[in-house]
Amino acid sequence: MNRPIVYVPQQPTRMTENGPATIYDITPALNFGSLISLFGNAPVMLSTNVVVEQLQLKLATFNDDDYILCIGDPALIAVTAMVASSINDGRVRMLRWDRHQRQYLALKYDLKGE
């Protein structure tokens, strides 16, 4: 069995004197699977068709074992979940950071209610 994949829509960064630096440590998400960056720290493209096409290619093997990490631009998180659920028969799992528990919580959505 392959290790689950945690798809990271976008890794937020800030500019420092040494260039871009990541804002958040997402390594705790490794407890859920291997991290795969979808768009790195690049700004979101305004061409929505291009974003959807790229996500369809990058998420082509998305399945019930995989996750979407809720980080980055909210619109990009939303479209990533939409594309993933369309590939996986309406099902998607997501990881959301809980600042009180200081850990990621796994959420499971099924658009068909099964």
PDB file of N, CA and C in Angstrom:
ATOM      1  N   MET A   1       0.839  -1.180   0.000  1.00  0.00           N
ATOM      2  CA  MET A   1       0.000   0.000   0.000  1.00  0.00           C
ATOM      3  C   MET A   1       0.885   1.245   0.000  1.00  0.00           C
ATOM      4  N   ASN A   2       0.522   2.215  -0.833  1.00  0.00           N
ATOM      5  CA  ASN A   2       1.265   3.466  -0.898  1.00  0.00           C
ATOM      6  C   ASN A   2       0.909   4.360   0.273  1.00  0.00           C
ATOM      7  N   ARG A   3       1.875   5.178   0.666  1.00  0.00           N
ATOM      8  CA  ARG A   3       1.653   6.156   1.741  1.00  0.00           C
ATOM      9  C   ARG A   3       0.672   7.211   1.237  1.00  0.00           C
ATOM     10  N   PRO A   4      -0.284   7.625   2.090  1.00  0.00           N
ATOM     11  CA  PRO A   4      -1.214   8.687   1.692  1.00  0.00           C
ATOM     12  C   PRO A   4      -0.457   9.968   1.324  1.00  0.00           C
ATOM     13  N   ILE A   5      -1.100  10.803   0.541  1.00  0.00           N
ATOM     14  CA  ILE A   5      -0.517  12.077   0.117  1.00  0.00           C
ATOM     15  C   ILE A   5      -1.305  13.214   0.750  1.00  0.00           C
ATOM     16  N   VAL A   6      -0.580  14.193   1.249  1.00  0.00           N
ATOM     17  CA  VAL A   6      -1.179  15.426   1.748  1.00  0.00           C
ATOM     18  C   VAL A   6      -0.836  16.504   0.731  1.00  0.00           C
ATOM     19  N   TYR A   7      -1.848  16.943  -0.001  1.00  0.00           N
ATOM     20  CA  TYR A   7      -1.646  17.968  -1.024  1.00  0.00           C
ATOM     21  C   TYR A   7      -1.696  19.349  -0.379  1.00  0.00           C
ATOM     22  N   VAL A   8      -0.682  20.143  -0.631  1.00  0.00           N
ATOM     23  CA  VAL A   8      -0.546  21.479  -0.048  1.00  0.00           C
ATOM     24  C   VAL A   8      -0.837  22.493  -1.153  1.00  0.00           C
ATOM     25  N   PRO A   9      -2.026  23.137  -1.124  1.00  0.00           N
ATOM     26  CA  PRO A   9      -2.373  24.071  -2.196  1.00  0.00           C
ATOM     27  C   PRO A   9      -1.351  25.194  -2.371  1.00  0.00           C
ATOM     28  N   GLN A  10      -0.948  25.834  -1.273  1.00  0.00           N
ATOM     29  CA  GLN A  10      -0.025  26.966  -1.353  1.00  0.00           C
ATOM     30  C   GLN A  10       0.639  27.143   0.004  1.00  0.00           C
ATOM     31  N   GLN A  11       1.944  27.365  -0.008  1.00  0.00           N
ATOM     32  CA  GLN A  11       2.678  27.586   1.239  1.00  0.00           C
ATOM     33  C   GLN A  11       2.891  29.091   1.419  1.00  0.00           C
ATOM     34  N   PRO A  12       2.180  29.720   2.359  1.00  0.00           N
ATOM     35  CA  PRO A  12       2.334  31.161   2.560  1.00  0.00           C
ATOM     36  C   PRO A  12       3.767  31.530   2.962  1.00  0.00           C
ATOM     37  N   THR A  13       4.244  32.639   2.420  1.00  0.00           N
ATOM     38  CA  THR A  13       5.586  33.126   2.728  1.00  0.00           C
ATOM     39  C   THR A  13       5.545  34.613   3.015  1.00  0.00           C
ATOM     40  N   ARG A  14       6.638  35.096   3.568  1.00  0.00           N
ATOM     41  CA  ARG A  14       6.817  36.543   3.735  1.00  0.00           C
ATOM     42  C   ARG A  14       8.235  36.863   3.293  1.00  0.00           C
ATOM     43  N   MET A  15       8.444  38.086   2.894  1.00  0.00           N
ATOM     44  CA  MET A  15       9.762  38.507   2.440  1.00  0.00           C
ATOM     45  C   MET A  15      10.641  38.843   3.641  1.00  0.00           C
ATOM     46  N   THR A  16      11.867  38.346   3.594  1.00  0.00           N
ATOM     47  CA  THR A  16      12.872  38.676   4.599  1.00  0.00           C
ATOM     48  C   THR A  16      14.072  39.249   3.862  1.00  0.00           C
ATOM     49  N   GLU A  17      15.082  39.647   4.585  1.00  0.00           N
ATOM     50  CA  GLU A  17      16.283  40.192   3.929  1.00  0.00           C
ATOM     51  C   GLU A  17      16.995  39.128   3.104  1.00  0.00           C
ATOM     52  N   ASN A  18      16.727  37.852   3.402  1.00  0.00           N
ATOM     53  CA  ASN A  18      17.330  36.748   2.646  1.00  0.00           C
ATOM     54  C   ASN A  18      16.407  36.187   1.571  1.00  0.00           C
ATOM     55  N   GLY A  19      15.282  36.857   1.328  1.00  0.00           N
ATOM     56  CA  GLY A  19      14.324  36.383   0.336  1.00  0.00           C
ATOM     57  C   GLY A  19      13.091  35.806   1.004  1.00  0.00           C
ATOM     58  N   PRO A  20      12.251  35.098   0.227  1.00  0.00           N
ATOM     59  CA  PRO A  20      11.007  34.549   0.799  1.00  0.00           C
ATOM     60  C   PRO A  20      11.289  33.500   1.872  1.00  0.00           C
ATOM     61  N   ALA A  21      10.502  33.541   2.943  1.00  0.00           N
ATOM     62  CA  ALA A  21      10.601  32.553   4.017  1.00  0.00           C
ATOM     63  C   ALA A  21       9.201  32.060   4.346  1.00  0.00           C
ATOM     64  N   THR A  22       9.085  30.755   4.589  1.00  0.00           N
ATOM     65  CA  THR A  22       7.766  30.208   4.918  1.00  0.00           C
ATOM     66  C   THR A  22       7.295  30.751   6.266  1.00  0.00           C
ATOM     67  N   ILE A  23       5.994  30.937   6.378  1.00  0.00           N
ATOM     68  CA  ILE A  23       5.400  31.489   7.589  1.00  0.00           C
ATOM     69  C   ILE A  23       5.065  30.389   8.589  1.00  0.00           C
ATOM     70  N   TYR A  24       4.587  29.249   8.096  1.00  0.00           N
ATOM     71  CA  TYR A  24       4.099  28.188   8.973  1.00  0.00           C
ATOM     72  C   TYR A  24       4.915  26.913   8.799  1.00  0.00           C
ATOM     73  N   ASP A  25       5.119  26.219   9.893  1.00  0.00           N
ATOM     74  CA  ASP A  25       5.748  24.907   9.873  1.00  0.00           C
ATOM     75  C   ASP A  25       4.634  23.884   9.645  1.00  0.00           C
ATOM     76  N   ILE A  26       4.629  23.263   8.487  1.00  0.00           N
ATOM     77  CA  ILE A  26       3.578  22.291   8.176  1.00  0.00           C
ATOM     78  C   ILE A  26       4.057  20.850   8.367  1.00  0.00           C
ATOM     79  N   THR A  27       5.238  20.671   8.941  1.00  0.00           N
ATOM     80  CA  THR A  27       5.745  19.308   9.117  1.00  0.00           C
ATOM     81  C   THR A  27       4.847  18.410   9.962  1.00  0.00           C
ATOM     82  N   PRO A  28       4.020  18.943  10.910  1.00  0.00           N
ATOM     83  CA  PRO A  28       3.107  18.025  11.617  1.00  0.00           C
ATOM     84  C   PRO A  28       2.134  17.291  10.677  1.00  0.00           C
ATOM     85  N   ALA A  29       1.912  17.832   9.487  1.00  0.00           N
ATOM     86  CA  ALA A  29       1.033  17.169   8.519  1.00  0.00           C
ATOM     87  C   ALA A  29       1.657  15.885   7.984  1.00  0.00           C
ATOM     88  N   LEU A  30       2.971  15.718   8.176  1.00  0.00           N
ATOM     89  CA  LEU A  30       3.627  14.478   7.754  1.00  0.00           C
ATOM     90  C   LEU A  30       3.079  13.258   8.486  1.00  0.00           C
ATOM     91  N   ASN A  31       2.427  13.481   9.634  1.00  0.00           N
ATOM     92  CA  ASN A  31       1.795  12.367  10.343  1.00  0.00           C
ATOM     93  C   ASN A  31       0.669  11.744   9.535  1.00  0.00           C
ATOM     94  N   PHE A  32       0.169  12.471   8.530  1.00  0.00           N
ATOM     95  CA  PHE A  32      -0.953  11.991   7.718  1.00  0.00           C
ATOM     96  C   PHE A  32      -0.524  11.485   6.346  1.00  0.00           C
ATOM     97  N   GLY A  33       0.705  11.769   5.930  1.00  0.00           N
ATOM     98  CA  GLY A  33       1.162  11.320   4.624  1.00  0.00           C
ATOM     99  C   GLY A  33       2.297  12.175   4.101  1.00  0.00           C
ATOM    100  N   SER A  34       2.726  11.863   2.888  1.00  0.00           N
ATOM    101  CA  SER A  34       3.789  12.615   2.222  1.00  0.00           C
ATOM    102  C   SER A  34       3.240  13.950   1.720  1.00  0.00           C
ATOM    103  N   LEU A  35       4.015  15.015   1.895  1.00  0.00           N
ATOM    104  CA  LEU A  35       3.575  16.344   1.470  1.00  0.00           C
ATOM    105  C   LEU A  35       3.916  16.586   0.005  1.00  0.00           C
ATOM    106  N   ILE A  36       2.909  17.017  -0.746  1.00  0.00           N
ATOM    107  CA  ILE A  36       3.105  17.380  -2.151  1.00  0.00           C
ATOM    108  C   ILE A  36       2.589  18.800  -2.332  1.00  0.00           C
ATOM    109  N   SER A  37       3.486  19.694  -2.742  1.00  0.00           N
ATOM    110  CA  SER A  37       3.111  21.090  -2.972  1.00  0.00           C
ATOM    111  C   SER A  37       2.471  21.232  -4.348  1.00  0.00           C
ATOM    112  N   LEU A  38       1.330  21.910  -4.400  1.00  0.00           N
ATOM    113  CA  LEU A  38       0.643  22.104  -5.672  1.00  0.00           C
ATOM    114  C   LEU A  38       1.094  23.369  -6.387  1.00  0.00           C
ATOM    115  N   PHE A  39       1.199  24.476  -5.674  1.00  0.00           N
ATOM    116  CA  PHE A  39       1.596  25.739  -6.288  1.00  0.00           C
ATOM    117  C   PHE A  39       2.725  26.438  -5.541  1.00  0.00           C
ATOM    118  N   GLY A  40       3.360  25.757  -4.596  1.00  0.00           N
ATOM    119  CA  GLY A  40       4.477  26.345  -3.862  1.00  0.00           C
ATOM    120  C   GLY A  40       4.059  27.611  -3.142  1.00  0.00           C
ATOM    121  N   ASN A  41       4.887  28.631  -3.267  1.00  0.00           N
ATOM    122  CA  ASN A  41       4.556  29.912  -2.661  1.00  0.00           C
ATOM    123  C   ASN A  41       4.210  30.952  -3.713  1.00  0.00           C
ATOM    124  N   ALA A  42       3.935  30.489  -4.921  1.00  0.00           N
ATOM    125  CA  ALA A  42       3.611  31.398  -6.021  1.00  0.00           C
ATOM    126  C   ALA A  42       2.252  32.056  -5.807  1.00  0.00           C
ATOM    127  N   PRO A  43       2.090  33.288  -6.277  1.00  0.00           N
ATOM    128  CA  PRO A  43       0.770  33.916  -6.201  1.00  0.00           C
ATOM    129  C   PRO A  43      -0.234  33.128  -7.048  1.00  0.00           C
ATOM    130  N   VAL A  44      -1.483  33.195  -6.660  1.00  0.00           N
ATOM    131  CA  VAL A  44      -2.524  32.481  -7.392  1.00  0.00           C
ATOM    132  C   VAL A  44      -2.733  33.152  -8.746  1.00  0.00           C
ATOM    133  N   MET A  45      -2.803  32.324  -9.779  1.00  0.00           N
ATOM    134  CA  MET A  45      -3.058  32.838 -11.122  1.00  0.00           C
ATOM    135  C   MET A  45      -4.501  33.310 -11.222  1.00  0.00           C
ATOM    136  N   LEU A  46      -4.699  34.355 -11.988  1.00  0.00           N
ATOM    137  CA  LEU A  46      -6.048  34.876 -12.155  1.00  0.00           C
ATOM    138  C   LEU A  46      -6.839  34.122 -13.215  1.00  0.00           C
ATOM    139  N   SER A  47      -6.153  33.345 -14.043  1.00  0.00           N
ATOM    140  CA  SER A  47      -6.839  32.549 -15.051  1.00  0.00           C
ATOM    141  C   SER A  47      -7.376  31.277 -14.404  1.00  0.00           C
ATOM    142  N   THR A  48      -8.659  31.307 -14.073  1.00  0.00           N
ATOM    143  CA  THR A  48      -9.239  30.174 -13.345  1.00  0.00           C
ATOM    144  C   THR A  48      -9.211  28.883 -14.152  1.00  0.00           C
ATOM    145  N   ASN A  49      -9.352  28.972 -15.461  1.00  0.00           N
ATOM    146  CA  ASN A  49      -9.312  27.757 -16.286  1.00  0.00           C
ATOM    147  C   ASN A  49      -7.956  27.076 -16.190  1.00  0.00           C
ATOM    148  N   VAL A  50      -6.893  27.863 -16.175  1.00  0.00           N
ATOM    149  CA  VAL A  50      -5.539  27.303 -16.076  1.00  0.00           C
ATOM    150  C   VAL A  50      -5.351  26.630 -14.721  1.00  0.00           C
ATOM    151  N   VAL A  51      -5.823  27.257 -13.657  1.00  0.00           N
ATOM    152  CA  VAL A  51      -5.704  26.683 -12.314  1.00  0.00           C
ATOM    153  C   VAL A  51      -6.438  25.352 -12.256  1.00  0.00           C
ATOM    154  N   VAL A  52      -7.651  25.296 -12.752  1.00  0.00           N
ATOM    155  CA  VAL A  52      -8.442  24.054 -12.725  1.00  0.00           C
ATOM    156  C   VAL A  52      -7.745  22.965 -13.539  1.00  0.00           C
ATOM    157  N   GLU A  53      -7.249  23.306 -14.725  1.00  0.00           N
ATOM    158  CA  GLU A  53      -6.556  22.316 -15.562  1.00  0.00           C
ATOM    159  C   GLU A  53      -5.323  21.769 -14.850  1.00  0.00           C
ATOM    160  N   GLN A  54      -4.543  22.653 -14.221  1.00  0.00           N
ATOM    161  CA  GLN A  54      -3.346  22.199 -13.514  1.00  0.00           C
ATOM    162  C   GLN A  54      -3.718  21.310 -12.337  1.00  0.00           C
ATOM    163  N   LEU A  55      -4.766  21.685 -11.603  1.00  0.00           N
ATOM    164  CA  LEU A  55      -5.201  20.864 -10.477  1.00  0.00           C
ATOM    165  C   LEU A  55      -5.711  19.503 -10.932  1.00  0.00           C
ATOM    166  N   GLN A  56      -6.408  19.454 -12.051  1.00  0.00           N
ATOM    167  CA  GLN A  56      -6.890  18.169 -12.552  1.00  0.00           C
ATOM    168  C   GLN A  56      -5.727  17.230 -12.859  1.00  0.00           C
ATOM    169  N   LEU A  57      -4.638  17.778 -13.383  1.00  0.00           N
ATOM    170  CA  LEU A  57      -3.451  16.966 -13.656  1.00  0.00           C
ATOM    171  C   LEU A  57      -2.745  16.554 -12.370  1.00  0.00           C
ATOM    172  N   LYS A  58      -2.556  17.506 -11.455  1.00  0.00           N
ATOM    173  CA  LYS A  58      -1.802  17.245 -10.231  1.00  0.00           C
ATOM    174  C   LYS A  58      -2.554  16.357  -9.245  1.00  0.00           C
ATOM    175  N   LEU A  59      -3.879  16.372  -9.309  1.00  0.00           N
ATOM    176  CA  LEU A  59      -4.695  15.583  -8.381  1.00  0.00           C
ATOM    177  C   LEU A  59      -5.289  14.339  -9.043  1.00  0.00           C
ATOM    178  N   ALA A  60      -4.800  13.973 -10.203  1.00  0.00           N
ATOM    179  CA  ALA A  60      -5.394  12.881 -10.995  1.00  0.00           C
ATOM    180  C   ALA A  60      -5.515  11.573 -10.226  1.00  0.00           C
ATOM    181  N   THR A  61      -4.637  11.336  -9.266  1.00  0.00           N
ATOM    182  CA  THR A  61      -4.677  10.073  -8.514  1.00  0.00           C
ATOM    183  C   THR A  61      -5.257  10.257  -7.105  1.00  0.00           C
ATOM    184  N   PHE A  62      -5.882  11.403  -6.830  1.00  0.00           N
ATOM    185  CA  PHE A  62      -6.450  11.655  -5.507  1.00  0.00           C
ATOM    186  C   PHE A  62      -7.449  10.559  -5.157  1.00  0.00           C
ATOM    187  N   ASN A  63      -7.348  10.025  -3.913  1.00  0.00           N
ATOM    188  CA  ASN A  63      -8.251   8.949  -3.501  1.00  0.00           C
ATOM    189  C   ASN A  63      -8.613   9.106  -2.023  1.00  0.00           C
ATOM    190  N   ASP A  64      -9.375   8.148  -1.498  1.00  0.00           N
ATOM    191  CA  ASP A  64      -9.886   8.217  -0.121  1.00  0.00           C
ATOM    192  C   ASP A  64      -8.794   8.263   0.949  1.00  0.00           C
ATOM    193  N   ASP A  65      -7.561   7.892   0.623  1.00  0.00           N
ATOM    194  CA  ASP A  65      -6.474   7.904   1.589  1.00  0.00           C
ATOM    195  C   ASP A  65      -5.791   9.266   1.702  1.00  0.00           C
ATOM    196  N   ASP A  66      -6.003  10.129   0.726  1.00  0.00           N
ATOM    197  CA  ASP A  66      -5.287  11.394   0.630  1.00  0.00           C
ATOM    198  C   ASP A  66      -6.002  12.540   1.337  1.00  0.00           C
ATOM    199  N   TYR A  67      -5.270  13.639   1.506  1.00  0.00           N
ATOM    200  CA  TYR A  67      -5.794  14.824   2.191  1.00  0.00           C
ATOM    201  C   TYR A  67      -5.450  16.092   1.410  1.00  0.00           C
ATOM    202  N   ILE A  68      -6.249  17.129   1.645  1.00  0.00           N
ATOM    203  CA  ILE A  68      -5.932  18.489   1.227  1.00  0.00           C
ATOM    204  C   ILE A  68      -5.603  19.251   2.506  1.00  0.00           C
ATOM    205  N   LEU A  69      -4.436  19.896   2.548  1.00  0.00           N
ATOM    206  CA  LEU A  69      -4.072  20.704   3.705  1.00  0.00           C
ATOM    207  C   LEU A  69      -4.681  22.091   3.523  1.00  0.00           C
ATOM    208  N   CYS A  70      -5.448  22.539   4.498  1.00  0.00           N
ATOM    209  CA  CYS A  70      -6.110  23.852   4.418  1.00  0.00           C
ATOM    210  C   CYS A  70      -5.111  24.943   4.776  1.00  0.00           C
ATOM    211  N   ILE A  71      -4.345  25.362   3.770  1.00  0.00           N
ATOM    212  CA  ILE A  71      -3.360  26.420   3.968  1.00  0.00           C
ATOM    213  C   ILE A  71      -3.179  27.175   2.653  1.00  0.00           C
ATOM    214  N   GLY A  72      -3.023  28.481   2.788  1.00  0.00           N
ATOM    215  CA  GLY A  72      -2.824  29.312   1.607  1.00  0.00           C
ATOM    216  C   GLY A  72      -4.055  30.120   1.264  1.00  0.00           C
ATOM    217  N   ASP A  73      -4.138  30.532   0.029  1.00  0.00           N
ATOM    218  CA  ASP A  73      -5.242  31.348  -0.457  1.00  0.00           C
ATOM    219  C   ASP A  73      -6.556  30.568  -0.332  1.00  0.00           C
ATOM    220  N   PRO A  74      -7.565  31.148   0.340  1.00  0.00           N
ATOM    221  CA  PRO A  74      -8.835  30.428   0.533  1.00  0.00           C
ATOM    222  C   PRO A  74      -9.489  29.985  -0.780  1.00  0.00           C
ATOM    223  N   ALA A  75      -9.406  30.805  -1.822  1.00  0.00           N
ATOM    224  CA  ALA A  75      -9.997  30.418  -3.111  1.00  0.00           C
ATOM    225  C   ALA A  75      -9.275  29.209  -3.685  1.00  0.00           C
ATOM    226  N   LEU A  76      -7.960  29.154  -3.517  1.00  0.00           N
ATOM    227  CA  LEU A  76      -7.189  28.019  -4.017  1.00  0.00           C
ATOM    228  C   LEU A  76      -7.491  26.750  -3.214  1.00  0.00           C
ATOM    229  N   ILE A  77      -7.673  26.893  -1.906  1.00  0.00           N
ATOM    230  CA  ILE A  77      -8.066  25.740  -1.082  1.00  0.00           C
ATOM    231  C   ILE A  77      -9.415  25.211  -1.556  1.00  0.00           C
ATOM    232  N   ALA A  78     -10.352  26.119  -1.790  1.00  0.00           N
ATOM    233  CA  ALA A  78     -11.700  25.718  -2.207  1.00  0.00           C
ATOM    234  C   ALA A  78     -11.680  24.998  -3.548  1.00  0.00           C
ATOM    235  N   VAL A  79     -10.996  25.545  -4.528  1.00  0.00           N
ATOM    236  CA  VAL A  79     -10.991  24.912  -5.856  1.00  0.00           C
ATOM    237  C   VAL A  79     -10.205  23.600  -5.813  1.00  0.00           C
ATOM    238  N   THR A  80      -9.187  23.517  -4.976  1.00  0.00           N
ATOM    239  CA  THR A  80      -8.453  22.262  -4.821  1.00  0.00           C
ATOM    240  C   THR A  80      -9.380  21.174  -4.282  1.00  0.00           C
ATOM    241  N   ALA A  81     -10.166  21.505  -3.272  1.00  0.00           N
ATOM    242  CA  ALA A  81     -11.119  20.538  -2.713  1.00  0.00           C
ATOM    243  C   ALA A  81     -12.194  20.172  -3.736  1.00  0.00           C
ATOM    244  N   MET A  82     -12.649  21.156  -4.511  1.00  0.00           N
ATOM    245  CA  MET A  82     -13.667  20.874  -5.540  1.00  0.00           C
ATOM    246  C   MET A  82     -13.139  19.893  -6.576  1.00  0.00           C
ATOM    247  N   VAL A  83     -11.940  20.137  -7.065  1.00  0.00           N
ATOM    248  CA  VAL A  83     -11.358  19.253  -8.083  1.00  0.00           C
ATOM    249  C   VAL A  83     -11.096  17.868  -7.492  1.00  0.00           C
ATOM    250  N   ALA A  84     -10.541  17.825  -6.275  1.00  0.00           N
ATOM    251  CA  ALA A  84     -10.265  16.526  -5.645  1.00  0.00           C
ATOM    252  C   ALA A  84     -11.545  15.719  -5.466  1.00  0.00           C
ATOM    253  N   SER A  85     -12.623  16.372  -5.020  1.00  0.00           N
ATOM    254  CA  SER A  85     -13.868  15.630  -4.809  1.00  0.00           C
ATOM    255  C   SER A  85     -14.474  15.179  -6.135  1.00  0.00           C
ATOM    256  N   SER A  86     -14.286  15.956  -7.185  1.00  0.00           N
ATOM    257  CA  SER A  86     -14.814  15.532  -8.490  1.00  0.00           C
ATOM    258  C   SER A  86     -14.058  14.316  -9.012  1.00  0.00           C
ATOM    259  N   ILE A  87     -12.782  14.215  -8.692  1.00  0.00           N
ATOM    260  CA  ILE A  87     -11.973  13.064  -9.096  1.00  0.00           C
ATOM    261  C   ILE A  87     -12.317  11.842  -8.255  1.00  0.00           C
ATOM    262  N   ASN A  88     -12.705  12.065  -6.986  1.00  0.00           N
ATOM    263  CA  ASN A  88     -12.901  10.974  -6.032  1.00  0.00           C
ATOM    264  C   ASN A  88     -14.379  10.743  -5.694  1.00  0.00           C
ATOM    265  N   ASP A  89     -15.235  10.865  -6.667  1.00  0.00           N
ATOM    266  CA  ASP A  89     -16.649  10.543  -6.515  1.00  0.00           C
ATOM    267  C   ASP A  89     -17.326  11.309  -5.369  1.00  0.00           C
ATOM    268  N   GLY A  90     -16.957  12.585  -5.220  1.00  0.00           N
ATOM    269  CA  GLY A  90     -17.604  13.441  -4.232  1.00  0.00           C
ATOM    270  C   GLY A  90     -17.018  13.393  -2.838  1.00  0.00           C
ATOM    271  N   ARG A  91     -15.935  12.622  -2.656  1.00  0.00           N
ATOM    272  CA  ARG A  91     -15.341  12.489  -1.325  1.00  0.00           C
ATOM    273  C   ARG A  91     -13.990  13.200  -1.261  1.00  0.00           C
ATOM    274  N   VAL A  92     -13.752  13.863  -0.129  1.00  0.00           N
ATOM    275  CA  VAL A  92     -12.461  14.524   0.086  1.00  0.00           C
ATOM    276  C   VAL A  92     -12.183  14.588   1.583  1.00  0.00           C
ATOM    277  N   ARG A  93     -10.919  14.403   1.935  1.00  0.00           N
ATOM    278  CA  ARG A  93     -10.493  14.567   3.328  1.00  0.00           C
ATOM    279  C   ARG A  93      -9.574  15.787   3.377  1.00  0.00           C
ATOM    280  N   MET A  94      -9.711  16.561   4.460  1.00  0.00           N
ATOM    281  CA  MET A  94      -8.929  17.776   4.608  1.00  0.00           C
ATOM    282  C   MET A  94      -8.302  17.815   5.993  1.00  0.00           C
ATOM    283  N   LEU A  95      -7.194  18.531   6.094  1.00  0.00           N
ATOM    284  CA  LEU A  95      -6.531  18.749   7.371  1.00  0.00           C
ATOM    285  C   LEU A  95      -6.644  20.214   7.743  1.00  0.00           C
ATOM    286  N   ARG A  96      -7.123  20.456   8.945  1.00  0.00           N
ATOM    287  CA  ARG A  96      -7.318  21.814   9.455  1.00  0.00           C
ATOM    288  C   ARG A  96      -6.538  21.950  10.756  1.00  0.00           C
ATOM    289  N   TRP A  97      -5.770  23.034  10.875  1.00  0.00           N
ATOM    290  CA  TRP A  97      -4.988  23.265  12.084  1.00  0.00           C
ATOM    291  C   TRP A  97      -5.898  23.739  13.203  1.00  0.00           C
ATOM    292  N   ASP A  98      -5.770  23.092  14.362  1.00  0.00           N
ATOM    293  CA  ASP A  98      -6.498  23.527  15.549  1.00  0.00           C
ATOM    294  C   ASP A  98      -5.488  24.189  16.473  1.00  0.00           C
ATOM    295  N   ARG A  99      -5.576  25.496  16.627  1.00  0.00           N
ATOM    296  CA  ARG A  99      -4.564  26.223  17.399  1.00  0.00           C
ATOM    297  C   ARG A  99      -4.645  25.921  18.893  1.00  0.00           C
ATOM    298  N   HIS A 100      -5.792  25.495  19.374  1.00  0.00           N
ATOM    299  CA  HIS A 100      -5.917  25.170  20.795  1.00  0.00           C
ATOM    300  C   HIS A 100      -5.280  23.813  21.114  1.00  0.00           C
ATOM    301  N   GLN A 101      -5.543  22.844  20.245  1.00  0.00           N
ATOM    302  CA  GLN A 101      -4.947  21.512  20.442  1.00  0.00           C
ATOM    303  C   GLN A 101      -3.527  21.427  19.872  1.00  0.00           C
ATOM    304  N   ARG A 102      -3.167  22.432  19.053  1.00  0.00           N
ATOM    305  CA  ARG A 102      -1.852  22.520  18.416  1.00  0.00           C
ATOM    306  C   ARG A 102      -1.537  21.266  17.586  1.00  0.00           C
ATOM    307  N   GLN A 103      -2.535  20.885  16.783  1.00  0.00           N
ATOM    308  CA  GLN A 103      -2.363  19.747  15.885  1.00  0.00           C
ATOM    309  C   GLN A 103      -3.368  19.851  14.748  1.00  0.00           C
ATOM    310  N   TYR A 104      -3.115  19.074  13.695  1.00  0.00           N
ATOM    311  CA  TYR A 104      -4.058  19.034  12.590  1.00  0.00           C
ATOM    312  C   TYR A 104      -5.208  18.092  12.927  1.00  0.00           C
ATOM    313  N   LEU A 105      -6.407  18.502  12.542  1.00  0.00           N
ATOM    314  CA  LEU A 105      -7.591  17.660  12.684  1.00  0.00           C
ATOM    315  C   LEU A 105      -7.998  17.190  11.294  1.00  0.00           C
ATOM    316  N   ALA A 106      -8.309  15.916  11.169  1.00  0.00           N
ATOM    317  CA  ALA A 106      -8.746  15.354   9.902  1.00  0.00           C
ATOM    318  C   ALA A 106     -10.258  15.510   9.766  1.00  0.00           C
ATOM    319  N   LEU A 107     -10.674  16.071   8.647  1.00  0.00           N
ATOM    320  CA  LEU A 107     -12.096  16.259   8.339  1.00  0.00           C
ATOM    321  C   LEU A 107     -12.419  15.460   7.088  1.00  0.00           C
ATOM    322  N   LYS A 108     -13.580  14.838   7.072  1.00  0.00           N
ATOM    323  CA  LYS A 108     -13.979  14.026   5.915  1.00  0.00           C
ATOM    324  C   LYS A 108     -15.303  14.561   5.391  1.00  0.00           C
ATOM    325  N   TYR A 109     -15.355  14.837   4.092  1.00  0.00           N
ATOM    326  CA  TYR A 109     -16.576  15.335   3.459  1.00  0.00           C
ATOM    327  C   TYR A 109     -17.007  14.377   2.359  1.00  0.00           C
ATOM    328  N   ASP A 110     -18.307  14.167   2.264  1.00  0.00           N
ATOM    329  CA  ASP A 110     -18.876  13.328   1.212  1.00  0.00           C
ATOM    330  C   ASP A 110     -20.055  14.091   0.627  1.00  0.00           C
ATOM    331  N   LEU A 111     -19.899  14.589  -0.584  1.00  0.00           N
ATOM    332  CA  LEU A 111     -20.960  15.393  -1.208  1.00  0.00           C
ATOM    333  C   LEU A 111     -22.200  14.579  -1.523  1.00  0.00           C
ATOM    334  N   LYS A 112     -22.058  13.273  -1.567  1.00  0.00           N
ATOM    335  CA  LYS A 112     -23.213  12.418  -1.846  1.00  0.00           C
ATOM    336  C   LYS A 112     -23.865  11.926  -0.567  1.00  0.00           C
ATOM    337  N   GLY A 113     -23.283  12.275   0.579  1.00  0.00           N
ATOM    338  CA  GLY A 113     -23.874  11.915   1.872  1.00  0.00           C
ATOM    339  C   GLY A 113     -23.871  10.432   2.172  1.00  0.00           C
ATOM    340  N   GLU A 114     -22.926   9.717   1.618  1.00  0.00           N
ATOM    341  CA  GLU A 114     -22.880   8.259   1.840  1.00  0.00           C
ATOM    342  C   GLU A 114     -21.970   7.901   2.988  1.00  0.00           C
TER     343      GLU A 114
END
